[in-house]
Amino acid sequence: MNKSFYVYIFVCFLFQNSCIVKNVVTSLAIAFLFIATGCENDLAKVDAISAKIAETPVETSKEVEMIYSDSAKVKARMITPVFLQYKTEQPYDEMPKGLKIDFFNPGATKVESTLTANYGIRKPSERKIEVRNNVVVINQKGEKLNTERLVWDEASRKIFSDKFVKITTTDKIIQGYGLEANEDLSNYKIKQMSGIVYLDQTDSLP
């Protein structure tokens, strides 16, 4: 194995055990690799390793439950098996193994709807969570939303999508592209309707 490989292993070890010295470790990694290779053609390797270090989570947690509140009242609860925190120029949190969010009513006395997805990412500065892949929202009435990408705005308590959406109610299935809705699906607007199928008859409207 060449010298750059051992340098990379050494840097990763330091980084995983001390997020406080992240900037120092990054600088040392670049310097060590450059000295070890001693060639201008290896600048690409330096850039690649530097980028990899920058995108390494500084903290990894498992079986996490987070509470989102407003004025001391719980408005949502998120549960995820893996929670990664990144301290980049624009910090963000990642839920790569999926997540579940329970949305509470204004009085925080009961869950009004539940969101599940295979992947999620949150930028604390924006107070928004973006979820992707097999996104499902079900409310207490049994109404269900299916899509592949959704954004929950924590401040407005609304959900948005720019992808294909399908809403299933007790008597019909509504399909279209783009969505804005309350988090409990009590009020929603599909931007571009593509069809409605009534479950008690075969008629459909374009």
N, C-alpha and C. Protein backbone atom coordinates (compact mmCIF):
# COMPACT_ATOMS: atom_id res chain seq x y z
N MET A 1 0.84 -1.20 0.00
CA MET A 1 0.00 0.00 0.00
C MET A 1 0.87 1.26 0.00
N ASN A 2 0.45 2.33 -0.70
CA ASN A 2 1.26 3.53 -0.76
C ASN A 2 1.07 4.39 0.49
N LYS A 3 1.91 5.41 0.60
CA LYS A 3 1.90 6.25 1.80
C LYS A 3 0.58 6.99 1.97
N SER A 4 -0.01 7.41 0.86
CA SER A 4 -1.24 8.20 0.95
C SER A 4 -2.36 7.42 1.62
N PHE A 5 -2.37 6.08 1.45
CA PHE A 5 -3.41 5.26 2.08
C PHE A 5 -3.30 5.34 3.59
N TYR A 6 -2.05 5.21 4.12
CA TYR A 6 -1.87 5.25 5.57
C TYR A 6 -2.19 6.64 6.12
N VAL A 7 -1.86 7.67 5.35
CA VAL A 7 -2.19 9.03 5.77
C VAL A 7 -3.69 9.18 5.90
N TYR A 8 -4.43 8.66 4.92
CA TYR A 8 -5.89 8.75 4.93
C TYR A 8 -6.49 8.04 6.15
N ILE A 9 -5.99 6.83 6.45
CA ILE A 9 -6.48 6.08 7.61
C ILE A 9 -6.22 6.86 8.89
N PHE A 10 -5.01 7.44 9.00
CA PHE A 10 -4.64 8.20 10.19
C PHE A 10 -5.55 9.40 10.39
N VAL A 11 -5.83 10.12 9.30
CA VAL A 11 -6.68 11.30 9.38
C VAL A 11 -8.10 10.93 9.77
N CYS A 12 -8.65 9.88 9.18
CA CYS A 12 -10.01 9.44 9.51
C CYS A 12 -10.12 9.07 10.98
N PHE A 13 -9.06 8.41 11.51
CA PHE A 13 -9.08 8.02 12.93
C PHE A 13 -9.15 9.25 13.81
N LEU A 14 -8.31 10.25 13.50
CA LEU A 14 -8.31 11.47 14.30
C LEU A 14 -9.65 12.17 14.23
N PHE A 15 -10.21 12.24 13.03
CA PHE A 15 -11.47 12.98 12.84
C PHE A 15 -12.62 12.33 13.59
N GLN A 16 -12.71 11.02 13.53
CA GLN A 16 -13.80 10.33 14.19
C GLN A 16 -13.74 10.48 15.70
N ASN A 17 -12.55 10.75 16.25
CA ASN A 17 -12.41 10.80 17.69
C ASN A 17 -12.31 12.21 18.25
N SER A 18 -12.33 13.22 17.39
CA SER A 18 -12.27 14.58 17.90
C SER A 18 -12.78 15.56 16.87
N CYS A 19 -14.08 15.90 16.95
CA CYS A 19 -14.66 16.83 16.00
C CYS A 19 -14.18 18.25 16.26
N ILE A 20 -13.62 18.51 17.46
CA ILE A 20 -13.18 19.86 17.82
C ILE A 20 -12.01 20.29 16.94
N VAL A 21 -11.17 19.34 16.56
CA VAL A 21 -9.98 19.68 15.79
C VAL A 21 -10.19 19.42 14.31
N LYS A 22 -11.42 19.55 13.86
CA LYS A 22 -11.73 19.24 12.46
C LYS A 22 -10.89 20.05 11.49
N ASN A 23 -10.80 21.35 11.69
CA ASN A 23 -10.06 22.18 10.75
C ASN A 23 -8.57 21.83 10.75
N VAL A 24 -8.04 21.54 11.95
CA VAL A 24 -6.63 21.17 12.04
C VAL A 24 -6.37 19.86 11.33
N VAL A 25 -7.26 18.90 11.55
CA VAL A 25 -7.10 17.59 10.92
C VAL A 25 -7.16 17.71 9.40
N THR A 26 -8.10 18.51 8.92
CA THR A 26 -8.23 18.69 7.48
C THR A 26 -6.95 19.26 6.88
N SER A 27 -6.39 20.27 7.55
CA SER A 27 -5.16 20.88 7.06
C SER A 27 -4.01 19.89 7.07
N LEU A 28 -3.89 19.11 8.16
CA LEU A 28 -2.83 18.11 8.24
C LEU A 28 -2.99 17.05 7.16
N ALA A 29 -4.23 16.65 6.90
CA ALA A 29 -4.47 15.63 5.88
C ALA A 29 -3.97 16.09 4.53
N ILE A 30 -4.29 17.34 4.21
CA ILE A 30 -3.87 17.88 2.91
C ILE A 30 -2.35 17.98 2.84
N ALA A 31 -1.73 18.48 3.92
CA ALA A 31 -0.28 18.64 3.94
C ALA A 31 0.43 17.30 3.86
N PHE A 32 -0.01 16.33 4.68
CA PHE A 32 0.63 15.01 4.69
C PHE A 32 0.51 14.32 3.34
N LEU A 33 -0.67 14.40 2.76
CA LEU A 33 -0.87 13.73 1.48
C LEU A 33 -0.02 14.34 0.40
N PHE A 34 0.09 15.67 0.41
CA PHE A 34 0.88 16.34 -0.61
C PHE A 34 2.35 15.96 -0.48
N ILE A 35 2.86 15.90 0.77
CA ILE A 35 4.25 15.53 1.00
C ILE A 35 4.48 14.08 0.62
N ALA A 36 3.53 13.21 0.98
CA ALA A 36 3.69 11.78 0.72
C ALA A 36 3.74 11.48 -0.77
N THR A 37 2.95 12.20 -1.54
CA THR A 37 2.91 11.93 -2.98
C THR A 37 3.97 12.72 -3.72
N GLY A 38 4.17 13.99 -3.30
CA GLY A 38 5.20 14.83 -3.90
C GLY A 38 5.02 15.03 -5.39
N CYS A 39 3.80 15.16 -5.83
CA CYS A 39 3.55 15.28 -7.27
C CYS A 39 2.34 16.16 -7.51
N GLU A 40 2.44 17.07 -8.47
CA GLU A 40 1.34 17.98 -8.76
C GLU A 40 0.12 17.23 -9.26
N ASN A 41 0.34 16.09 -9.89
CA ASN A 41 -0.79 15.32 -10.42
C ASN A 41 -1.67 14.76 -9.31
N ASP A 42 -1.16 14.76 -8.08
CA ASP A 42 -1.93 14.21 -6.97
C ASP A 42 -2.80 15.25 -6.29
N LEU A 43 -2.85 16.46 -6.84
CA LEU A 43 -3.72 17.48 -6.26
C LEU A 43 -5.18 17.05 -6.30
N ALA A 44 -5.53 16.27 -7.31
CA ALA A 44 -6.90 15.77 -7.40
C ALA A 44 -7.21 14.86 -6.22
N LYS A 45 -6.21 14.06 -5.81
CA LYS A 45 -6.41 13.18 -4.66
C LYS A 45 -6.58 14.01 -3.39
N VAL A 46 -5.80 15.08 -3.29
CA VAL A 46 -5.90 15.97 -2.13
C VAL A 46 -7.30 16.55 -2.04
N ASP A 47 -7.81 17.05 -3.17
CA ASP A 47 -9.15 17.64 -3.19
C ASP A 47 -10.21 16.61 -2.83
N ALA A 48 -10.04 15.39 -3.34
CA ALA A 48 -11.04 14.35 -3.09
C ALA A 48 -11.09 13.98 -1.61
N ILE A 49 -9.92 13.84 -0.99
CA ILE A 49 -9.88 13.47 0.43
C ILE A 49 -10.38 14.62 1.30
N SER A 50 -10.03 15.84 0.93
CA SER A 50 -10.51 17.01 1.67
C SER A 50 -12.02 17.08 1.65
N ALA A 51 -12.61 16.82 0.47
CA ALA A 51 -14.07 16.85 0.34
C ALA A 51 -14.70 15.74 1.16
N LYS A 52 -14.05 14.57 1.17
CA LYS A 52 -14.58 13.43 1.91
C LYS A 52 -14.59 13.72 3.41
N ILE A 53 -13.52 14.35 3.91
CA ILE A 53 -13.44 14.69 5.33
C ILE A 53 -14.52 15.69 5.69
N ALA A 54 -14.73 16.69 4.81
CA ALA A 54 -15.73 17.72 5.08
C ALA A 54 -17.13 17.14 5.17
N GLU A 55 -17.38 16.03 4.44
CA GLU A 55 -18.70 15.44 4.43
C GLU A 55 -18.82 14.27 5.41
N THR A 56 -17.87 14.15 6.33
CA THR A 56 -17.94 13.11 7.34
C THR A 56 -18.75 13.61 8.53
N PRO A 57 -19.77 12.87 8.97
CA PRO A 57 -20.57 13.34 10.10
C PRO A 57 -19.74 13.44 11.37
N VAL A 58 -19.94 14.52 12.13
CA VAL A 58 -19.18 14.70 13.37
C VAL A 58 -19.84 13.96 14.52
N GLU A 59 -21.09 13.57 14.33
CA GLU A 59 -21.77 12.83 15.38
C GLU A 59 -22.78 11.87 14.77
N THR A 60 -22.77 10.64 15.23
CA THR A 60 -23.71 9.62 14.78
C THR A 60 -24.48 9.09 15.98
N SER A 61 -25.80 9.12 15.90
CA SER A 61 -26.64 8.62 16.98
C SER A 61 -27.61 7.58 16.43
N LYS A 62 -28.01 6.66 17.29
CA LYS A 62 -28.93 5.60 16.88
C LYS A 62 -30.17 5.60 17.77
N GLU A 63 -31.28 5.16 17.15
CA GLU A 63 -32.57 5.08 17.84
C GLU A 63 -32.90 6.43 18.50
N VAL A 64 -32.99 7.45 17.67
CA VAL A 64 -33.19 8.82 18.15
C VAL A 64 -34.67 9.20 18.12
N GLU A 65 -35.11 9.89 19.15
CA GLU A 65 -36.45 10.47 19.19
C GLU A 65 -36.30 11.96 19.48
N MET A 66 -36.82 12.79 18.58
CA MET A 66 -36.71 14.24 18.73
C MET A 66 -38.10 14.86 18.83
N ILE A 67 -38.23 15.84 19.71
CA ILE A 67 -39.50 16.53 19.91
C ILE A 67 -39.39 17.95 19.36
N TYR A 68 -40.36 18.34 18.54
CA TYR A 68 -40.43 19.70 18.02
C TYR A 68 -41.59 20.40 18.73
N SER A 69 -41.29 21.54 19.35
CA SER A 69 -42.32 22.22 20.12
C SER A 69 -42.40 23.70 19.76
N ASP A 70 -43.49 24.30 20.15
CA ASP A 70 -43.72 25.72 19.93
C ASP A 70 -44.51 26.25 21.12
N SER A 71 -43.98 27.26 21.79
CA SER A 71 -44.63 27.82 22.99
C SER A 71 -44.91 26.73 24.02
N ALA A 72 -43.93 25.87 24.22
CA ALA A 72 -43.98 24.79 25.22
C ALA A 72 -45.00 23.71 24.88
N LYS A 73 -45.53 23.72 23.66
CA LYS A 73 -46.46 22.68 23.24
C LYS A 73 -45.84 21.83 22.13
N VAL A 74 -45.95 20.53 22.29
CA VAL A 74 -45.38 19.61 21.31
C VAL A 74 -46.20 19.68 20.02
N LYS A 75 -45.50 19.88 18.90
CA LYS A 75 -46.21 19.89 17.62
C LYS A 75 -45.83 18.70 16.74
N ALA A 76 -44.68 18.08 17.02
CA ALA A 76 -44.29 16.92 16.23
C ALA A 76 -43.25 16.10 16.99
N ARG A 77 -43.19 14.82 16.65
CA ARG A 77 -42.19 13.92 17.22
C ARG A 77 -41.58 13.10 16.09
N MET A 78 -40.27 13.12 15.99
CA MET A 78 -39.58 12.37 14.94
C MET A 78 -38.81 11.20 15.56
N ILE A 79 -38.92 10.04 14.94
CA ILE A 79 -38.18 8.86 15.37
C ILE A 79 -37.39 8.34 14.17
N THR A 80 -36.11 8.08 14.38
CA THR A 80 -35.26 7.58 13.30
C THR A 80 -34.23 6.60 13.86
N PRO A 81 -33.91 5.54 13.13
CA PRO A 81 -32.92 4.57 13.63
C PRO A 81 -31.48 5.08 13.57
N VAL A 82 -31.19 5.98 12.63
CA VAL A 82 -29.83 6.53 12.50
C VAL A 82 -29.94 8.03 12.24
N PHE A 83 -29.20 8.81 13.05
CA PHE A 83 -29.24 10.27 12.94
C PHE A 83 -27.82 10.78 12.83
N LEU A 84 -27.50 11.43 11.70
CA LEU A 84 -26.15 11.94 11.44
C LEU A 84 -26.17 13.46 11.45
N GLN A 85 -25.17 14.06 12.10
CA GLN A 85 -25.05 15.51 12.14
C GLN A 85 -23.78 15.94 11.42
N TYR A 86 -23.92 16.91 10.52
CA TYR A 86 -22.80 17.41 9.74
C TYR A 86 -22.56 18.87 10.10
N LYS A 87 -21.32 19.22 10.41
CA LYS A 87 -20.97 20.59 10.76
C LYS A 87 -20.21 21.24 9.61
N THR A 88 -20.87 21.37 8.48
CA THR A 88 -20.29 22.03 7.32
C THR A 88 -20.57 23.53 7.40
N GLU A 89 -20.27 24.27 6.33
CA GLU A 89 -20.56 25.71 6.33
C GLU A 89 -22.05 25.95 6.55
N GLN A 90 -22.87 25.05 6.01
CA GLN A 90 -24.31 25.08 6.26
C GLN A 90 -24.68 23.75 6.92
N PRO A 91 -24.65 23.70 8.25
CA PRO A 91 -24.89 22.43 8.97
C PRO A 91 -26.22 21.80 8.59
N TYR A 92 -26.23 20.47 8.59
CA TYR A 92 -27.47 19.76 8.31
C TYR A 92 -27.45 18.41 9.02
N ASP A 93 -28.65 17.85 9.19
CA ASP A 93 -28.82 16.54 9.81
C ASP A 93 -29.37 15.58 8.75
N GLU A 94 -28.98 14.33 8.85
CA GLU A 94 -29.40 13.35 7.85
C GLU A 94 -29.96 12.11 8.54
N MET A 95 -31.03 11.58 7.97
CA MET A 95 -31.65 10.35 8.45
C MET A 95 -31.62 9.34 7.31
N PRO A 96 -30.50 8.66 7.10
CA PRO A 96 -30.33 7.81 5.92
C PRO A 96 -31.08 6.48 5.96
N LYS A 97 -31.53 6.08 7.14
CA LYS A 97 -32.21 4.79 7.27
C LYS A 97 -33.72 4.94 7.46
N GLY A 98 -34.23 6.11 7.12
CA GLY A 98 -35.67 6.33 7.22
C GLY A 98 -36.06 7.06 8.49
N LEU A 99 -37.32 7.48 8.55
CA LEU A 99 -37.83 8.22 9.70
C LEU A 99 -39.34 8.16 9.76
N LYS A 100 -39.84 8.51 10.93
CA LYS A 100 -41.28 8.60 11.16
C LYS A 100 -41.54 9.89 11.93
N ILE A 101 -42.52 10.67 11.47
CA ILE A 101 -42.88 11.91 12.16
C ILE A 101 -44.36 11.87 12.51
N ASP A 102 -44.66 12.04 13.79
CA ASP A 102 -46.04 12.16 14.26
C ASP A 102 -46.36 13.64 14.41
N PHE A 103 -47.44 14.09 13.77
CA PHE A 103 -47.88 15.47 13.88
C PHE A 103 -49.03 15.56 14.88
N PHE A 104 -48.88 16.43 15.87
CA PHE A 104 -49.89 16.58 16.91
C PHE A 104 -50.87 17.71 16.58
N ASN A 105 -52.04 17.64 17.19
CA ASN A 105 -53.02 18.71 17.04
C ASN A 105 -52.53 19.94 17.80
N PRO A 106 -53.14 21.13 17.57
CA PRO A 106 -52.68 22.36 18.23
C PRO A 106 -52.60 22.26 19.75
N GLY A 107 -53.46 21.47 20.36
CA GLY A 107 -53.42 21.33 21.81
C GLY A 107 -52.42 20.30 22.29
N ALA A 108 -51.75 19.64 21.34
CA ALA A 108 -50.73 18.62 21.65
C ALA A 108 -51.30 17.46 22.47
N THR A 109 -52.58 17.16 22.25
CA THR A 109 -53.21 16.08 23.02
C THR A 109 -53.30 14.77 22.25
N LYS A 110 -53.19 14.84 20.92
CA LYS A 110 -53.27 13.61 20.14
C LYS A 110 -52.56 13.76 18.80
N VAL A 111 -52.19 12.63 18.22
CA VAL A 111 -51.54 12.61 16.91
C VAL A 111 -52.61 12.71 15.83
N GLU A 112 -52.47 13.70 14.96
CA GLU A 112 -53.46 13.90 13.90
C GLU A 112 -53.06 13.24 12.59
N SER A 113 -51.75 13.09 12.37
CA SER A 113 -51.28 12.44 11.15
C SER A 113 -49.86 11.94 11.37
N THR A 114 -49.45 11.01 10.51
CA THR A 114 -48.12 10.41 10.63
C THR A 114 -47.46 10.34 9.26
N LEU A 115 -46.20 10.74 9.22
CA LEU A 115 -45.41 10.71 7.98
C LEU A 115 -44.31 9.66 8.12
N THR A 116 -44.11 8.87 7.09
CA THR A 116 -42.99 7.93 7.05
C THR A 116 -42.28 8.08 5.71
N ALA A 117 -40.97 7.84 5.71
CA ALA A 117 -40.17 7.92 4.48
C ALA A 117 -38.89 7.13 4.67
N ASN A 118 -38.25 6.80 3.56
CA ASN A 118 -37.02 6.00 3.61
C ASN A 118 -35.77 6.84 3.83
N TYR A 119 -35.91 8.17 3.67
CA TYR A 119 -34.73 9.04 3.80
C TYR A 119 -35.19 10.44 4.20
N GLY A 120 -34.37 11.12 5.00
CA GLY A 120 -34.70 12.48 5.39
C GLY A 120 -33.46 13.33 5.61
N ILE A 121 -33.61 14.63 5.41
CA ILE A 121 -32.51 15.57 5.65
C ILE A 121 -33.11 16.87 6.20
N ARG A 122 -32.43 17.45 7.20
CA ARG A 122 -32.94 18.67 7.83
C ARG A 122 -31.83 19.70 7.93
N LYS A 123 -32.17 20.95 7.55
CA LYS A 123 -31.26 22.07 7.71
C LYS A 123 -31.81 22.94 8.84
N PRO A 124 -31.16 22.91 10.00
CA PRO A 124 -31.68 23.65 11.17
C PRO A 124 -31.93 25.13 10.90
N SER A 125 -31.09 25.75 10.07
CA SER A 125 -31.25 27.18 9.82
C SER A 125 -32.53 27.49 9.06
N GLU A 126 -33.02 26.52 8.28
CA GLU A 126 -34.24 26.72 7.50
C GLU A 126 -35.49 26.19 8.21
N ARG A 127 -35.28 25.36 9.22
CA ARG A 127 -36.38 24.73 9.96
C ARG A 127 -37.31 23.97 9.01
N LYS A 128 -36.69 23.20 8.14
CA LYS A 128 -37.44 22.38 7.20
C LYS A 128 -36.83 20.98 7.14
N ILE A 129 -37.68 19.99 6.95
CA ILE A 129 -37.23 18.62 6.75
C ILE A 129 -37.68 18.16 5.38
N GLU A 130 -36.73 17.69 4.58
CA GLU A 130 -37.05 17.12 3.28
C GLU A 130 -36.98 15.61 3.38
N VAL A 131 -38.03 14.94 2.93
CA VAL A 131 -38.05 13.48 2.96
C VAL A 131 -38.21 12.96 1.53
N ARG A 132 -37.63 11.78 1.29
CA ARG A 132 -37.66 11.21 -0.06
C ARG A 132 -37.89 9.70 0.01
N ASN A 133 -38.32 9.18 -1.11
CA ASN A 133 -38.44 7.73 -1.33
C ASN A 133 -39.52 7.09 -0.45
N ASN A 134 -40.56 6.65 -1.13
CA ASN A 134 -41.67 5.97 -0.46
C ASN A 134 -42.25 6.81 0.68
N VAL A 135 -42.59 8.05 0.36
CA VAL A 135 -43.14 8.97 1.36
C VAL A 135 -44.65 8.72 1.50
N VAL A 136 -45.08 8.54 2.74
CA VAL A 136 -46.50 8.28 3.01
C VAL A 136 -46.95 9.15 4.19
N VAL A 137 -48.09 9.81 4.03
CA VAL A 137 -48.71 10.56 5.13
C VAL A 137 -50.13 10.02 5.30
N ILE A 138 -50.47 9.64 6.53
CA ILE A 138 -51.81 9.13 6.83
C ILE A 138 -52.38 9.92 8.00
N ASN A 139 -53.62 10.41 7.85
CA ASN A 139 -54.24 11.15 8.95
C ASN A 139 -55.23 10.27 9.70
N GLN A 140 -55.87 10.85 10.71
CA GLN A 140 -56.76 10.08 11.57
C GLN A 140 -58.03 9.62 10.85
N LYS A 141 -58.36 10.26 9.74
CA LYS A 141 -59.52 9.85 8.96
C LYS A 141 -59.22 8.66 8.05
N GLY A 142 -57.95 8.29 7.98
CA GLY A 142 -57.57 7.21 7.10
C GLY A 142 -57.20 7.67 5.70
N GLU A 143 -57.20 8.99 5.48
CA GLU A 143 -56.79 9.53 4.18
C GLU A 143 -55.28 9.40 4.04
N LYS A 144 -54.84 9.06 2.85
CA LYS A 144 -53.42 8.76 2.66
C LYS A 144 -52.83 9.51 1.47
N LEU A 145 -51.63 10.06 1.69
CA LEU A 145 -50.87 10.73 0.64
C LEU A 145 -49.64 9.89 0.31
N ASN A 146 -49.42 9.65 -0.97
CA ASN A 146 -48.23 8.95 -1.44
C ASN A 146 -47.46 9.84 -2.41
N THR A 147 -46.16 9.93 -2.23
CA THR A 147 -45.30 10.67 -3.15
C THR A 147 -43.87 10.21 -2.95
N GLU A 148 -42.94 10.79 -3.72
CA GLU A 148 -41.53 10.41 -3.60
C GLU A 148 -40.66 11.51 -3.02
N ARG A 149 -41.24 12.69 -2.84
CA ARG A 149 -40.48 13.79 -2.23
C ARG A 149 -41.45 14.75 -1.57
N LEU A 150 -41.08 15.18 -0.35
CA LEU A 150 -41.96 16.06 0.40
C LEU A 150 -41.11 16.94 1.32
N VAL A 151 -41.56 18.16 1.54
CA VAL A 151 -40.88 19.07 2.47
C VAL A 151 -41.87 19.49 3.54
N TRP A 152 -41.46 19.33 4.80
CA TRP A 152 -42.28 19.80 5.92
C TRP A 152 -41.68 21.10 6.44
N ASP A 153 -42.49 22.16 6.45
CA ASP A 153 -42.08 23.45 6.99
C ASP A 153 -42.52 23.49 8.45
N GLU A 154 -41.55 23.47 9.35
CA GLU A 154 -41.86 23.42 10.78
C GLU A 154 -42.60 24.66 11.26
N ALA A 155 -42.28 25.82 10.68
CA ALA A 155 -42.89 27.07 11.13
C ALA A 155 -44.36 27.18 10.72
N SER A 156 -44.64 26.90 9.46
CA SER A 156 -46.02 27.04 8.95
C SER A 156 -46.86 25.79 9.18
N ARG A 157 -46.19 24.67 9.54
CA ARG A 157 -46.87 23.39 9.75
C ARG A 157 -47.58 22.94 8.47
N LYS A 158 -46.92 23.19 7.34
CA LYS A 158 -47.45 22.75 6.05
C LYS A 158 -46.46 21.81 5.37
N ILE A 159 -46.96 21.04 4.42
CA ILE A 159 -46.13 20.13 3.65
C ILE A 159 -46.24 20.50 2.17
N PHE A 160 -45.13 20.30 1.45
CA PHE A 160 -45.06 20.68 0.04
C PHE A 160 -44.40 19.57 -0.77
N SER A 161 -44.82 19.44 -2.01
CA SER A 161 -44.18 18.49 -2.92
C SER A 161 -44.20 19.05 -4.33
N ASP A 162 -43.14 18.77 -5.09
CA ASP A 162 -43.10 19.16 -6.50
C ASP A 162 -43.12 17.92 -7.39
N LYS A 163 -43.43 16.77 -6.79
CA LYS A 163 -43.45 15.50 -7.53
C LYS A 163 -44.88 15.01 -7.73
N PHE A 164 -44.99 13.85 -8.35
CA PHE A 164 -46.29 13.21 -8.52
C PHE A 164 -46.85 12.84 -7.15
N VAL A 165 -48.13 13.12 -6.94
CA VAL A 165 -48.77 12.82 -5.66
C VAL A 165 -50.07 12.05 -5.90
N LYS A 166 -50.40 11.22 -4.93
CA LYS A 166 -51.67 10.49 -4.97
C LYS A 166 -52.31 10.56 -3.59
N ILE A 167 -53.54 11.03 -3.54
CA ILE A 167 -54.28 11.11 -2.29
C ILE A 167 -55.46 10.15 -2.36
N THR A 168 -55.52 9.26 -1.39
CA THR A 168 -56.60 8.27 -1.34
C THR A 168 -57.51 8.58 -0.16
N THR A 169 -58.79 8.79 -0.45
CA THR A 169 -59.78 9.03 0.60
C THR A 169 -60.74 7.85 0.64
N THR A 170 -61.80 7.98 1.40
CA THR A 170 -62.74 6.87 1.53
C THR A 170 -63.52 6.62 0.24
N ASP A 171 -63.65 7.64 -0.61
CA ASP A 171 -64.48 7.46 -1.81
C ASP A 171 -63.80 7.78 -3.13
N LYS A 172 -62.54 8.25 -3.08
CA LYS A 172 -61.89 8.58 -4.35
C LYS A 172 -60.36 8.57 -4.23
N ILE A 173 -59.72 8.54 -5.40
CA ILE A 173 -58.27 8.65 -5.51
C ILE A 173 -57.97 9.86 -6.39
N ILE A 174 -57.19 10.79 -5.87
CA ILE A 174 -56.85 12.01 -6.60
C ILE A 174 -55.37 11.97 -6.94
N GLN A 175 -55.04 12.25 -8.19
CA GLN A 175 -53.66 12.21 -8.64
C GLN A 175 -53.28 13.52 -9.32
N GLY A 176 -52.00 13.87 -9.22
CA GLY A 176 -51.54 15.08 -9.86
C GLY A 176 -50.08 15.36 -9.56
N TYR A 177 -49.64 16.57 -9.89
CA TYR A 177 -48.25 16.96 -9.70
C TYR A 177 -48.18 18.25 -8.89
N GLY A 178 -47.38 18.24 -7.84
CA GLY A 178 -47.24 19.40 -6.99
C GLY A 178 -48.33 19.45 -5.94
N LEU A 179 -47.93 19.78 -4.71
CA LEU A 179 -48.90 19.77 -3.61
C LEU A 179 -48.53 20.78 -2.54
N GLU A 180 -49.54 21.41 -1.98
CA GLU A 180 -49.40 22.21 -0.77
C GLU A 180 -50.54 21.81 0.15
N ALA A 181 -50.22 21.46 1.39
CA ALA A 181 -51.27 20.95 2.28
C ALA A 181 -50.93 21.20 3.74
N ASN A 182 -51.96 21.18 4.58
CA ASN A 182 -51.72 21.14 6.01
C ASN A 182 -51.11 19.78 6.35
N GLU A 183 -50.35 19.73 7.43
CA GLU A 183 -49.66 18.49 7.76
C GLU A 183 -50.62 17.35 8.10
N ASP A 184 -51.87 17.68 8.43
CA ASP A 184 -52.85 16.63 8.73
C ASP A 184 -53.76 16.34 7.53
N LEU A 185 -53.44 16.94 6.37
CA LEU A 185 -54.20 16.75 5.13
C LEU A 185 -55.64 17.27 5.22
N SER A 186 -55.91 18.13 6.20
CA SER A 186 -57.26 18.66 6.34
C SER A 186 -57.60 19.65 5.22
N ASN A 187 -56.59 20.23 4.64
CA ASN A 187 -56.78 21.16 3.53
C ASN A 187 -55.59 21.01 2.59
N TYR A 188 -55.84 20.71 1.33
CA TYR A 188 -54.74 20.52 0.40
C TYR A 188 -55.09 21.06 -0.98
N LYS A 189 -54.03 21.36 -1.73
CA LYS A 189 -54.19 21.87 -3.09
C LYS A 189 -53.17 21.18 -3.98
N ILE A 190 -53.66 20.53 -5.03
CA ILE A 190 -52.79 19.91 -6.02
C ILE A 190 -52.62 20.89 -7.17
N LYS A 191 -51.38 21.20 -7.50
CA LYS A 191 -51.12 22.25 -8.48
C LYS A 191 -51.54 21.86 -9.90
N GLN A 192 -51.28 20.63 -10.28
CA GLN A 192 -51.65 20.18 -11.63
C GLN A 192 -52.37 18.84 -11.52
N MET A 193 -53.68 18.89 -11.55
CA MET A 193 -54.49 17.69 -11.42
C MET A 193 -54.36 16.82 -12.68
N SER A 194 -54.19 15.51 -12.48
CA SER A 194 -54.11 14.61 -13.63
C SER A 194 -55.27 13.63 -13.68
N GLY A 195 -55.99 13.46 -12.57
CA GLY A 195 -57.13 12.56 -12.62
C GLY A 195 -57.77 12.30 -11.27
N ILE A 196 -59.05 11.96 -11.31
CA ILE A 196 -59.79 11.56 -10.11
C ILE A 196 -60.51 10.26 -10.42
N VAL A 197 -60.33 9.28 -9.59
CA VAL A 197 -61.02 8.01 -9.75
C VAL A 197 -61.94 7.81 -8.55
N TYR A 198 -63.24 7.67 -8.81
CA TYR A 198 -64.19 7.46 -7.73
C TYR A 198 -64.27 5.97 -7.43
N LEU A 199 -64.12 5.63 -6.18
CA LEU A 199 -64.01 4.23 -5.80
C LEU A 199 -65.33 3.47 -5.86
N ASP A 200 -66.45 4.20 -5.87
CA ASP A 200 -67.74 3.51 -5.93
C ASP A 200 -68.31 3.46 -7.34
N GLN A 201 -67.50 3.91 -8.33
CA GLN A 201 -67.92 3.83 -9.71
C GLN A 201 -66.68 3.84 -10.60
N THR A 202 -66.84 3.60 -11.87
CA THR A 202 -65.71 3.49 -12.78
C THR A 202 -65.40 4.79 -13.49
N ASP A 203 -66.21 5.84 -13.23
CA ASP A 203 -65.99 7.12 -13.91
C ASP A 203 -64.70 7.76 -13.43
N SER A 204 -64.04 8.47 -14.30
CA SER A 204 -62.85 9.24 -13.94
C SER A 204 -62.88 10.56 -14.68
N LEU A 205 -62.34 11.56 -14.06
CA LEU A 205 -62.30 12.89 -14.66
C LEU A 205 -60.86 13.27 -14.94
N PRO A 206 -60.57 13.86 -16.10
CA PRO A 206 -59.19 14.25 -16.42
C PRO A 206 -58.74 15.42 -15.56
